Amino acid sequence: MRGSRLRFLWMTLLLLLLPGCKGCNNGVGKAHQNPLPDGTVILLRGTNGFGALILRNQASKDLGLPTEEVSLAYEWFFQPDGKGTFATKDPQVVHGIVPKSISTRMTQFITFQEFSVEWSGNTNGFGWIYYPHDFHTFIGSADWSMCVTDQTNVAGIKPGDWRWSYSTRPPFSLTQEWNWLKGQLGSTGR
């Protein structure tokens, strides 16, 4: 019993002391914990307003090593004060559709209004969306924060509502933390 407490304390201290690594878990450390399916609504809060993003037609095609083609379409909304909804009939709401964005790079940026959100393909119909910071970034500010919702329609969403929890880094995941720690210590899978 005492040994497991000491081991827990040691691991906790280690996690607190090691987070300064730059580039550890490149990509994975900043990604939302699961790839997101087409139709997912992602809310964004920036310094000048709120955005909503709906991922559509995410695709990934292997062109032969090391090149892969990724593509997606997306719909975006911008609302300046967070008090209203993303209804396109509201004169304050700005709305746009990007019918297809193709890249032979592993990641690309979804850019609209003041937001620039990193995305990468996973499999057809799914993709990774990235927070501005990884879980281990404790200093530095971000221009925006994100909330991945379980919604598939922006109708009626009030982005400034208390129920939406915005963050600049992904939620805590024991699996991701364990993989990060193994990477820091240089251990390999068995």
N, C-alpha and C. Protein backbone atom coordinates (compact mmCIF):
# COMPACT_ATOMS: atom_id res chain seq x y z
N MET A 1 0.83 -1.19 0.00
CA MET A 1 0.00 0.00 0.00
C MET A 1 0.88 1.25 0.00
N ARG A 2 1.87 1.28 0.90
CA ARG A 2 2.75 2.44 1.00
C ARG A 2 3.55 2.60 -0.30
N GLY A 3 4.00 1.50 -0.89
CA GLY A 3 4.77 1.55 -2.14
C GLY A 3 3.95 2.12 -3.28
N SER A 4 2.67 1.79 -3.36
CA SER A 4 1.84 2.32 -4.45
C SER A 4 1.60 3.82 -4.27
N ARG A 5 1.50 4.27 -3.04
CA ARG A 5 1.35 5.72 -2.80
C ARG A 5 2.61 6.47 -3.20
N LEU A 6 3.76 5.91 -2.83
CA LEU A 6 5.02 6.54 -3.20
C LEU A 6 5.19 6.56 -4.72
N ARG A 7 4.84 5.45 -5.36
CA ARG A 7 4.93 5.39 -6.82
C ARG A 7 4.02 6.44 -7.45
N PHE A 8 2.79 6.60 -6.93
CA PHE A 8 1.85 7.60 -7.43
C PHE A 8 2.42 9.01 -7.24
N LEU A 9 2.98 9.29 -6.07
CA LEU A 9 3.56 10.59 -5.79
C LEU A 9 4.74 10.87 -6.72
N TRP A 10 5.60 9.87 -6.92
CA TRP A 10 6.73 10.02 -7.81
C TRP A 10 6.28 10.31 -9.23
N MET A 11 5.29 9.58 -9.72
CA MET A 11 4.78 9.79 -11.09
C MET A 11 4.15 11.18 -11.21
N THR A 12 3.43 11.62 -10.21
CA THR A 12 2.81 12.94 -10.23
C THR A 12 3.87 14.02 -10.30
N LEU A 13 4.89 13.91 -9.46
CA LEU A 13 5.99 14.88 -9.48
C LEU A 13 6.71 14.87 -10.82
N LEU A 14 6.93 13.70 -11.36
CA LEU A 14 7.58 13.58 -12.66
C LEU A 14 6.77 14.27 -13.75
N LEU A 15 5.47 14.07 -13.74
CA LEU A 15 4.61 14.73 -14.72
C LEU A 15 4.64 16.25 -14.58
N LEU A 16 4.76 16.73 -13.37
CA LEU A 16 4.81 18.18 -13.16
C LEU A 16 6.15 18.77 -13.56
N LEU A 17 7.22 18.00 -13.44
CA LEU A 17 8.55 18.51 -13.73
C LEU A 17 8.95 18.38 -15.20
N LEU A 18 8.35 17.47 -15.94
CA LEU A 18 8.76 17.21 -17.31
C LEU A 18 8.02 18.00 -18.39
N PRO A 19 7.00 18.78 -18.10
CA PRO A 19 6.19 19.31 -19.19
C PRO A 19 6.86 20.34 -20.07
N GLY A 20 8.08 20.70 -19.84
CA GLY A 20 8.70 21.74 -20.64
C GLY A 20 9.18 21.29 -22.00
N CYS A 21 9.00 20.06 -22.37
CA CYS A 21 9.54 19.58 -23.63
C CYS A 21 8.85 20.23 -24.81
N LYS A 22 9.64 20.68 -25.76
CA LYS A 22 9.09 21.27 -26.99
C LYS A 22 8.96 20.17 -28.03
N GLY A 23 7.79 20.07 -28.64
CA GLY A 23 7.61 19.12 -29.73
C GLY A 23 7.35 17.70 -29.30
N CYS A 24 7.27 17.43 -27.98
CA CYS A 24 6.97 16.07 -27.58
C CYS A 24 5.54 15.76 -28.01
N ASN A 25 5.34 14.56 -28.48
CA ASN A 25 4.01 14.15 -28.93
C ASN A 25 3.52 15.04 -30.07
N ASN A 26 4.41 15.43 -30.96
CA ASN A 26 4.02 16.32 -32.04
C ASN A 26 2.72 15.84 -32.65
N GLY A 27 1.76 16.72 -32.77
CA GLY A 27 0.47 16.39 -33.33
C GLY A 27 -0.44 15.77 -32.31
N VAL A 28 -0.09 14.62 -31.78
CA VAL A 28 -0.98 13.90 -30.87
C VAL A 28 -1.25 14.70 -29.61
N GLY A 29 -0.24 15.37 -29.05
CA GLY A 29 -0.41 16.11 -27.81
C GLY A 29 -1.38 17.27 -27.90
N LYS A 30 -1.61 17.79 -29.09
CA LYS A 30 -2.51 18.92 -29.26
C LYS A 30 -3.88 18.49 -29.78
N ALA A 31 -3.99 17.28 -30.24
CA ALA A 31 -5.23 16.83 -30.88
C ALA A 31 -6.31 16.54 -29.86
N HIS A 32 -7.56 16.71 -30.30
CA HIS A 32 -8.67 16.26 -29.48
C HIS A 32 -8.49 14.76 -29.30
N GLN A 33 -8.94 14.23 -28.19
CA GLN A 33 -8.64 12.84 -27.83
C GLN A 33 -9.16 11.80 -28.82
N ASN A 34 -10.16 12.12 -29.62
CA ASN A 34 -10.70 11.18 -30.61
C ASN A 34 -10.80 11.87 -31.96
N PRO A 35 -10.63 11.11 -33.06
CA PRO A 35 -10.89 11.73 -34.36
C PRO A 35 -12.38 12.08 -34.44
N LEU A 36 -12.70 13.19 -35.08
CA LEU A 36 -14.07 13.68 -35.11
C LEU A 36 -14.75 13.32 -36.42
N PRO A 37 -16.00 12.83 -36.34
CA PRO A 37 -16.72 12.45 -37.56
C PRO A 37 -17.26 13.67 -38.29
N ASP A 38 -17.55 13.47 -39.57
CA ASP A 38 -18.23 14.51 -40.35
C ASP A 38 -19.49 14.95 -39.62
N GLY A 39 -19.78 16.24 -39.68
CA GLY A 39 -20.98 16.78 -39.05
C GLY A 39 -20.78 17.31 -37.65
N THR A 40 -19.61 17.06 -37.06
CA THR A 40 -19.34 17.53 -35.70
C THR A 40 -19.29 19.05 -35.66
N VAL A 41 -19.97 19.65 -34.67
CA VAL A 41 -19.92 21.10 -34.47
C VAL A 41 -18.83 21.40 -33.44
N ILE A 42 -17.91 22.28 -33.81
CA ILE A 42 -16.83 22.72 -32.95
C ILE A 42 -17.03 24.21 -32.70
N LEU A 43 -17.07 24.59 -31.44
CA LEU A 43 -17.24 25.99 -31.08
C LEU A 43 -15.88 26.60 -30.76
N LEU A 44 -15.69 27.84 -31.16
CA LEU A 44 -14.44 28.55 -30.93
C LEU A 44 -14.74 29.89 -30.26
N ARG A 45 -13.92 30.26 -29.31
CA ARG A 45 -14.04 31.56 -28.65
C ARG A 45 -12.73 32.31 -28.86
N GLY A 46 -12.83 33.47 -29.49
CA GLY A 46 -11.65 34.27 -29.76
C GLY A 46 -11.71 35.60 -29.04
N THR A 47 -10.75 36.45 -29.30
CA THR A 47 -10.71 37.74 -28.63
C THR A 47 -11.80 38.69 -29.14
N ASN A 48 -12.27 38.49 -30.36
CA ASN A 48 -13.27 39.39 -30.94
C ASN A 48 -14.62 38.74 -31.22
N GLY A 49 -14.83 37.51 -30.75
CA GLY A 49 -16.12 36.87 -30.98
C GLY A 49 -16.05 35.37 -30.91
N PHE A 50 -17.13 34.76 -31.37
CA PHE A 50 -17.30 33.31 -31.30
C PHE A 50 -17.45 32.74 -32.71
N GLY A 51 -16.92 31.54 -32.90
CA GLY A 51 -17.05 30.87 -34.18
C GLY A 51 -17.62 29.48 -33.98
N ALA A 52 -18.18 28.95 -35.05
CA ALA A 52 -18.62 27.56 -35.09
C ALA A 52 -18.10 26.97 -36.39
N LEU A 53 -17.74 25.72 -36.33
CA LEU A 53 -17.15 25.03 -37.46
C LEU A 53 -17.82 23.67 -37.56
N ILE A 54 -18.25 23.31 -38.76
CA ILE A 54 -18.82 21.98 -39.00
C ILE A 54 -17.95 21.28 -40.04
N LEU A 55 -17.37 20.16 -39.66
CA LEU A 55 -16.51 19.38 -40.55
C LEU A 55 -17.37 18.58 -41.52
N ARG A 56 -16.97 18.55 -42.79
CA ARG A 56 -17.72 17.82 -43.82
C ARG A 56 -16.73 17.13 -44.78
N ASN A 57 -17.11 15.98 -45.28
CA ASN A 57 -16.36 15.28 -46.34
C ASN A 57 -14.86 15.16 -46.06
N GLN A 58 -14.52 14.74 -44.87
CA GLN A 58 -13.11 14.52 -44.53
C GLN A 58 -12.63 13.26 -45.25
N ALA A 59 -11.49 13.36 -45.90
CA ALA A 59 -10.99 12.21 -46.65
C ALA A 59 -9.46 12.16 -46.58
N SER A 60 -8.96 10.95 -46.69
CA SER A 60 -7.52 10.73 -46.67
C SER A 60 -7.22 9.66 -47.72
N LYS A 61 -6.26 9.96 -48.60
CA LYS A 61 -5.92 9.02 -49.67
C LYS A 61 -4.41 8.84 -49.70
N ASP A 62 -3.96 7.60 -49.60
CA ASP A 62 -2.53 7.29 -49.63
C ASP A 62 -2.04 7.39 -51.07
N LEU A 63 -1.07 8.27 -51.30
CA LEU A 63 -0.49 8.44 -52.63
C LEU A 63 0.84 7.72 -52.76
N GLY A 64 1.17 6.93 -51.76
CA GLY A 64 2.47 6.27 -51.73
C GLY A 64 3.38 7.01 -50.78
N LEU A 65 4.19 6.29 -50.05
CA LEU A 65 5.05 6.90 -49.03
C LEU A 65 5.93 7.96 -49.62
N PRO A 66 6.21 9.05 -48.99
CA PRO A 66 5.65 9.54 -47.75
C PRO A 66 4.46 10.48 -47.97
N THR A 67 3.91 10.50 -49.17
CA THR A 67 2.87 11.47 -49.50
C THR A 67 1.47 10.90 -49.30
N GLU A 68 0.62 11.72 -48.73
CA GLU A 68 -0.77 11.37 -48.53
C GLU A 68 -1.59 12.61 -48.87
N GLU A 69 -2.72 12.42 -49.50
CA GLU A 69 -3.58 13.56 -49.81
C GLU A 69 -4.74 13.58 -48.82
N VAL A 70 -4.93 14.70 -48.19
CA VAL A 70 -6.05 14.86 -47.27
C VAL A 70 -6.94 15.98 -47.79
N SER A 71 -8.23 15.83 -47.56
CA SER A 71 -9.15 16.88 -48.00
C SER A 71 -10.33 16.95 -47.06
N LEU A 72 -10.95 18.11 -47.02
CA LEU A 72 -12.16 18.29 -46.25
C LEU A 72 -12.93 19.48 -46.80
N ALA A 73 -14.19 19.48 -46.50
CA ALA A 73 -15.05 20.64 -46.73
C ALA A 73 -15.51 21.06 -45.35
N TYR A 74 -15.84 22.33 -45.19
CA TYR A 74 -16.33 22.77 -43.89
C TYR A 74 -17.22 23.99 -44.05
N GLU A 75 -18.06 24.15 -43.06
CA GLU A 75 -18.94 25.30 -42.98
C GLU A 75 -18.57 26.05 -41.72
N TRP A 76 -18.53 27.38 -41.79
CA TRP A 76 -18.15 28.15 -40.62
C TRP A 76 -19.14 29.29 -40.37
N PHE A 77 -19.19 29.69 -39.11
CA PHE A 77 -20.08 30.76 -38.66
C PHE A 77 -19.28 31.65 -37.70
N PHE A 78 -19.57 32.94 -37.70
CA PHE A 78 -18.94 33.85 -36.75
C PHE A 78 -20.01 34.75 -36.15
N GLN A 79 -19.95 34.92 -34.84
CA GLN A 79 -20.91 35.71 -34.09
C GLN A 79 -20.12 36.56 -33.11
N PRO A 80 -20.27 37.90 -33.11
CA PRO A 80 -19.37 38.75 -32.35
C PRO A 80 -19.53 38.78 -30.83
N ASP A 81 -20.73 38.55 -30.30
CA ASP A 81 -20.87 38.77 -28.85
C ASP A 81 -21.23 37.54 -28.02
N GLY A 82 -21.60 36.44 -28.63
CA GLY A 82 -21.92 35.23 -27.88
C GLY A 82 -23.30 35.23 -27.23
N LYS A 83 -24.04 36.32 -27.36
CA LYS A 83 -25.36 36.40 -26.72
C LYS A 83 -26.44 35.79 -27.60
N GLY A 84 -26.25 35.88 -28.89
CA GLY A 84 -27.24 35.32 -29.82
C GLY A 84 -26.85 33.92 -30.24
N THR A 85 -27.45 33.47 -31.32
CA THR A 85 -27.14 32.14 -31.88
C THR A 85 -26.36 32.34 -33.18
N PHE A 86 -26.13 31.27 -33.89
CA PHE A 86 -25.45 31.33 -35.18
C PHE A 86 -26.44 31.35 -36.34
N ALA A 87 -27.66 31.80 -36.11
CA ALA A 87 -28.67 31.86 -37.16
C ALA A 87 -28.19 32.78 -38.28
N THR A 88 -28.15 32.28 -39.49
CA THR A 88 -27.63 33.06 -40.61
C THR A 88 -28.51 34.24 -40.97
N LYS A 89 -29.76 34.25 -40.51
CA LYS A 89 -30.63 35.41 -40.78
C LYS A 89 -30.29 36.60 -39.87
N ASP A 90 -29.53 36.35 -38.80
CA ASP A 90 -29.09 37.42 -37.90
C ASP A 90 -28.04 38.26 -38.63
N PRO A 91 -28.22 39.58 -38.73
CA PRO A 91 -27.26 40.41 -39.46
C PRO A 91 -25.86 40.44 -38.83
N GLN A 92 -25.73 40.06 -37.57
CA GLN A 92 -24.41 40.03 -36.93
C GLN A 92 -23.62 38.77 -37.29
N VAL A 93 -24.30 37.75 -37.77
CA VAL A 93 -23.64 36.47 -38.05
C VAL A 93 -23.04 36.49 -39.46
N VAL A 94 -21.77 36.11 -39.53
CA VAL A 94 -21.09 35.94 -40.81
C VAL A 94 -20.95 34.44 -41.02
N HIS A 95 -21.20 33.98 -42.25
CA HIS A 95 -21.27 32.55 -42.54
C HIS A 95 -20.53 32.27 -43.84
N GLY A 96 -19.88 31.13 -43.90
CA GLY A 96 -19.20 30.74 -45.13
C GLY A 96 -19.11 29.24 -45.27
N ILE A 97 -18.91 28.81 -46.50
CA ILE A 97 -18.75 27.38 -46.82
C ILE A 97 -17.50 27.23 -47.67
N VAL A 98 -16.65 26.31 -47.28
CA VAL A 98 -15.48 25.97 -48.09
C VAL A 98 -15.77 24.58 -48.66
N PRO A 99 -16.07 24.50 -49.98
CA PRO A 99 -16.54 23.24 -50.56
C PRO A 99 -15.50 22.13 -50.57
N LYS A 100 -14.21 22.45 -50.69
CA LYS A 100 -13.19 21.41 -50.63
C LYS A 100 -11.82 22.05 -50.50
N SER A 101 -11.06 21.56 -49.57
CA SER A 101 -9.69 22.02 -49.35
C SER A 101 -8.81 20.78 -49.42
N ILE A 102 -7.84 20.78 -50.32
CA ILE A 102 -6.99 19.61 -50.54
C ILE A 102 -5.54 19.96 -50.23
N SER A 103 -4.85 19.02 -49.60
CA SER A 103 -3.44 19.23 -49.29
C SER A 103 -2.71 17.90 -49.37
N THR A 104 -1.45 17.95 -49.78
CA THR A 104 -0.61 16.75 -49.74
C THR A 104 0.28 16.77 -48.51
N ARG A 105 0.04 17.74 -47.63
CA ARG A 105 0.73 17.78 -46.35
C ARG A 105 -0.13 17.02 -45.34
N MET A 106 0.45 16.58 -44.27
CA MET A 106 -0.30 15.82 -43.26
C MET A 106 -1.36 16.68 -42.57
N THR A 107 -1.07 17.96 -42.39
CA THR A 107 -2.03 18.84 -41.72
C THR A 107 -2.28 20.07 -42.58
N GLN A 108 -3.42 20.69 -42.34
CA GLN A 108 -3.74 21.95 -42.98
C GLN A 108 -4.51 22.80 -41.98
N PHE A 109 -4.72 24.04 -42.32
CA PHE A 109 -5.41 24.94 -41.40
C PHE A 109 -6.78 25.33 -41.94
N ILE A 110 -7.75 25.29 -41.05
CA ILE A 110 -9.09 25.78 -41.32
C ILE A 110 -9.08 27.23 -40.85
N THR A 111 -9.22 28.15 -41.78
CA THR A 111 -9.06 29.56 -41.45
C THR A 111 -10.31 30.34 -41.83
N PHE A 112 -10.83 31.10 -40.87
CA PHE A 112 -11.93 32.04 -41.12
C PHE A 112 -11.93 33.07 -40.02
N GLN A 113 -12.38 34.28 -40.38
CA GLN A 113 -12.39 35.41 -39.45
C GLN A 113 -11.06 35.47 -38.71
N GLU A 114 -11.05 35.41 -37.39
CA GLU A 114 -9.80 35.49 -36.63
C GLU A 114 -9.24 34.12 -36.26
N PHE A 115 -9.86 33.05 -36.72
CA PHE A 115 -9.49 31.70 -36.30
C PHE A 115 -8.63 30.99 -37.35
N SER A 116 -7.67 30.22 -36.87
CA SER A 116 -6.86 29.36 -37.71
C SER A 116 -6.64 28.07 -36.91
N VAL A 117 -7.39 27.04 -37.28
CA VAL A 117 -7.45 25.79 -36.53
C VAL A 117 -6.79 24.69 -37.34
N GLU A 118 -5.86 23.98 -36.72
CA GLU A 118 -5.15 22.91 -37.41
C GLU A 118 -6.03 21.66 -37.49
N TRP A 119 -6.00 21.01 -38.65
CA TRP A 119 -6.77 19.78 -38.91
C TRP A 119 -5.88 18.81 -39.66
N SER A 120 -6.08 17.52 -39.42
CA SER A 120 -5.42 16.50 -40.25
C SER A 120 -6.39 15.35 -40.45
N GLY A 121 -6.21 14.67 -41.57
CA GLY A 121 -7.08 13.55 -41.91
C GLY A 121 -6.76 12.32 -41.09
N ASN A 122 -7.76 11.46 -40.95
CA ASN A 122 -7.58 10.19 -40.25
C ASN A 122 -8.00 9.09 -41.22
N THR A 123 -9.28 8.87 -41.35
CA THR A 123 -9.83 7.97 -42.36
C THR A 123 -10.99 8.71 -43.00
N ASN A 124 -11.55 8.17 -44.04
CA ASN A 124 -12.66 8.86 -44.69
C ASN A 124 -13.79 9.06 -43.70
N GLY A 125 -14.25 10.31 -43.61
CA GLY A 125 -15.33 10.65 -42.69
C GLY A 125 -14.87 11.05 -41.30
N PHE A 126 -13.57 10.95 -41.02
CA PHE A 126 -13.03 11.29 -39.70
C PHE A 126 -11.75 12.10 -39.86
N GLY A 127 -11.52 13.00 -38.90
CA GLY A 127 -10.28 13.78 -38.91
C GLY A 127 -9.94 14.25 -37.52
N TRP A 128 -8.70 14.69 -37.37
CA TRP A 128 -8.21 15.20 -36.09
C TRP A 128 -8.31 16.72 -36.10
N ILE A 129 -8.73 17.28 -35.00
CA ILE A 129 -8.77 18.73 -34.83
C ILE A 129 -7.83 19.06 -33.66
N TYR A 130 -7.09 20.15 -33.76
CA TYR A 130 -6.03 20.44 -32.81
C TYR A 130 -6.32 21.70 -31.99
N TYR A 131 -6.07 21.61 -30.71
CA TYR A 131 -6.14 22.76 -29.81
C TYR A 131 -4.91 23.63 -30.06
N PRO A 132 -4.93 24.91 -29.65
CA PRO A 132 -3.74 25.74 -29.86
C PRO A 132 -2.54 25.30 -29.02
N HIS A 133 -2.77 24.63 -27.88
CA HIS A 133 -1.68 24.15 -27.02
C HIS A 133 -1.86 22.67 -26.75
N ASP A 134 -0.75 21.99 -26.44
CA ASP A 134 -0.88 20.61 -25.98
C ASP A 134 -1.16 20.61 -24.47
N PHE A 135 -1.38 19.45 -23.91
CA PHE A 135 -1.76 19.37 -22.50
C PHE A 135 -0.64 19.85 -21.58
N HIS A 136 0.60 19.81 -22.07
CA HIS A 136 1.75 20.12 -21.23
C HIS A 136 2.22 21.56 -21.37
N THR A 137 1.48 22.41 -22.07
CA THR A 137 1.86 23.82 -22.21
C THR A 137 1.18 24.61 -21.10
N PHE A 138 1.98 25.14 -20.22
CA PHE A 138 1.42 25.86 -19.08
C PHE A 138 1.62 27.37 -19.19
N ILE A 139 2.55 27.78 -20.05
CA ILE A 139 2.75 29.22 -20.22
C ILE A 139 2.40 29.58 -21.65
N GLY A 140 2.21 30.85 -21.88
CA GLY A 140 1.86 31.31 -23.21
C GLY A 140 0.36 31.38 -23.38
N SER A 141 -0.07 32.40 -24.04
CA SER A 141 -1.50 32.54 -24.25
C SER A 141 -1.87 32.09 -25.65
N ALA A 142 -3.13 31.84 -25.85
CA ALA A 142 -3.63 31.44 -27.16
C ALA A 142 -4.64 32.50 -27.62
N ASP A 143 -4.75 32.65 -28.94
CA ASP A 143 -5.69 33.62 -29.50
C ASP A 143 -7.13 33.13 -29.45
N TRP A 144 -7.31 31.83 -29.27
CA TRP A 144 -8.65 31.27 -29.25
C TRP A 144 -8.68 30.01 -28.39
N SER A 145 -9.88 29.61 -28.00
CA SER A 145 -10.09 28.36 -27.28
C SER A 145 -11.20 27.59 -27.98
N MET A 146 -11.33 26.31 -27.67
CA MET A 146 -12.21 25.43 -28.43
C MET A 146 -13.09 24.58 -27.53
N CYS A 147 -14.27 24.25 -28.02
CA CYS A 147 -15.18 23.32 -27.36
C CYS A 147 -15.72 22.37 -28.42
N VAL A 148 -15.38 21.09 -28.32
CA VAL A 148 -15.91 20.08 -29.23
C VAL A 148 -17.25 19.64 -28.65
N THR A 149 -18.30 19.75 -29.44
CA THR A 149 -19.64 19.43 -28.95
C THR A 149 -20.10 18.07 -29.45
N ASP A 150 -21.24 17.64 -28.94
CA ASP A 150 -21.89 16.43 -29.45
C ASP A 150 -23.01 16.82 -30.42
N GLN A 151 -23.04 18.08 -30.81
CA GLN A 151 -24.08 18.60 -31.70
C GLN A 151 -23.69 18.39 -33.17
N THR A 152 -24.70 18.33 -34.04
CA THR A 152 -24.45 18.23 -35.47
C THR A 152 -25.15 19.37 -36.23
N ASN A 153 -25.74 20.30 -35.48
CA ASN A 153 -26.44 21.43 -36.08
C ASN A 153 -26.21 22.65 -35.19
N VAL A 154 -25.89 23.78 -35.79
CA VAL A 154 -25.62 24.98 -35.00
C VAL A 154 -26.90 25.72 -34.61
N ALA A 155 -28.03 25.33 -35.20
CA ALA A 155 -29.29 26.02 -34.92
C ALA A 155 -29.57 25.99 -33.42
N GLY A 156 -29.78 27.15 -32.87
CA GLY A 156 -30.11 27.26 -31.45
C GLY A 156 -28.92 27.28 -30.51
N ILE A 157 -27.71 27.05 -30.99
CA ILE A 157 -26.55 27.09 -30.10
C ILE A 157 -26.22 28.54 -29.78
N LYS A 158 -26.18 28.85 -28.50
CA LYS A 158 -25.71 30.16 -28.02
C LYS A 158 -24.28 29.95 -27.55
N PRO A 159 -23.30 30.44 -28.30
CA PRO A 159 -21.90 30.12 -27.98
C PRO A 159 -21.42 30.68 -26.65
N GLY A 160 -22.07 31.70 -26.12
CA GLY A 160 -21.66 32.26 -24.85
C GLY A 160 -22.35 31.62 -23.66
N ASP A 161 -23.16 30.59 -23.90
CA ASP A 161 -23.89 29.90 -22.84
C ASP A 161 -22.92 29.18 -21.90
N TRP A 162 -23.27 29.11 -20.63
CA TRP A 162 -22.43 28.49 -19.60
C TRP A 162 -22.16 27.01 -19.85
N ARG A 163 -23.01 26.34 -20.60
CA ARG A 163 -22.85 24.88 -20.78
C ARG A 163 -21.67 24.50 -21.67
N TRP A 164 -21.15 25.46 -22.44
CA TRP A 164 -20.03 25.15 -23.32
C TRP A 164 -18.72 25.44 -22.60
N SER A 165 -17.89 24.43 -22.50
CA SER A 165 -16.62 24.54 -21.79
C SER A 165 -15.48 24.67 -22.81
N TYR A 166 -14.95 25.87 -22.92
CA TYR A 166 -13.88 26.15 -23.88
C TYR A 166 -12.52 25.90 -23.23
N SER A 167 -11.58 25.42 -24.03
CA SER A 167 -10.24 25.15 -23.52
C SER A 167 -9.20 25.42 -24.60
N THR A 168 -7.99 25.73 -24.19
CA THR A 168 -6.89 25.91 -25.13
C THR A 168 -6.04 24.65 -25.25
N ARG A 169 -6.37 23.63 -24.47
CA ARG A 169 -5.64 22.37 -24.52
C ARG A 169 -6.61 21.20 -24.39
N PRO A 170 -6.23 20.02 -24.88
CA PRO A 170 -7.14 18.87 -24.84
C PRO A 170 -7.47 18.44 -23.41
N PRO A 171 -8.60 17.75 -23.25
CA PRO A 171 -8.93 17.24 -21.93
C PRO A 171 -7.92 16.19 -21.48
N PHE A 172 -7.79 16.03 -20.18
CA PHE A 172 -6.86 15.06 -19.60
C PHE A 172 -7.24 13.65 -20.01
N SER A 173 -6.25 12.88 -20.45
CA SER A 173 -6.45 11.49 -20.84
C SER A 173 -5.32 10.67 -20.26
N LEU A 174 -5.65 9.67 -19.43
CA LEU A 174 -4.61 8.83 -18.84
C LEU A 174 -3.79 8.11 -19.90
N THR A 175 -4.44 7.64 -20.96
CA THR A 175 -3.73 6.94 -22.02
C THR A 175 -2.74 7.87 -22.69
N GLN A 176 -3.18 9.08 -23.01
CA GLN A 176 -2.30 10.03 -23.66
C GLN A 176 -1.15 10.42 -22.73
N GLU A 177 -1.44 10.60 -21.45
CA GLU A 177 -0.39 10.96 -20.49
C GLU A 177 0.63 9.83 -20.35
N TRP A 178 0.15 8.59 -20.32
CA TRP A 178 1.05 7.46 -20.21
C TRP A 178 1.95 7.38 -21.45
N ASN A 179 1.38 7.56 -22.63
CA ASN A 179 2.18 7.53 -23.86
C ASN A 179 3.19 8.67 -23.88
N TRP A 180 2.78 9.83 -23.41
CA TRP A 180 3.70 10.98 -23.33
C TRP A 180 4.85 10.67 -22.38
N LEU A 181 4.54 10.12 -21.21
CA LEU A 181 5.56 9.81 -20.22
C LEU A 181 6.54 8.78 -20.77
N LYS A 182 6.03 7.74 -21.44
CA LYS A 182 6.92 6.75 -22.05
C LYS A 182 7.85 7.40 -23.06
N GLY A 183 7.31 8.34 -23.84
CA GLY A 183 8.14 9.06 -24.80
C GLY A 183 9.20 9.90 -24.13
N GLN A 184 8.88 10.53 -23.00
CA GLN A 184 9.84 11.35 -22.26
C GLN A 184 10.96 10.49 -21.71
N LEU A 185 10.63 9.28 -21.25
CA LEU A 185 11.62 8.41 -20.63
C LEU A 185 12.35 7.55 -21.65
N GLY A 186 11.91 7.64 -22.93
CA GLY A 186 12.59 6.89 -23.99
C GLY A 186 12.25 5.41 -24.02
N SER A 187 11.16 5.04 -23.36
CA SER A 187 10.80 3.62 -23.38
C SER A 187 10.00 3.30 -24.62
N THR A 188 10.01 2.03 -24.97
CA THR A 188 9.28 1.57 -26.16
C THR A 188 8.21 0.60 -25.72
N GLY A 189 7.26 0.39 -26.61
CA GLY A 189 6.17 -0.56 -26.31
C GLY A 189 6.69 -1.98 -26.27
N ARG A 190 6.02 -2.79 -25.49
CA ARG A 190 6.44 -4.20 -25.36
C ARG A 190 5.43 -5.10 -25.98
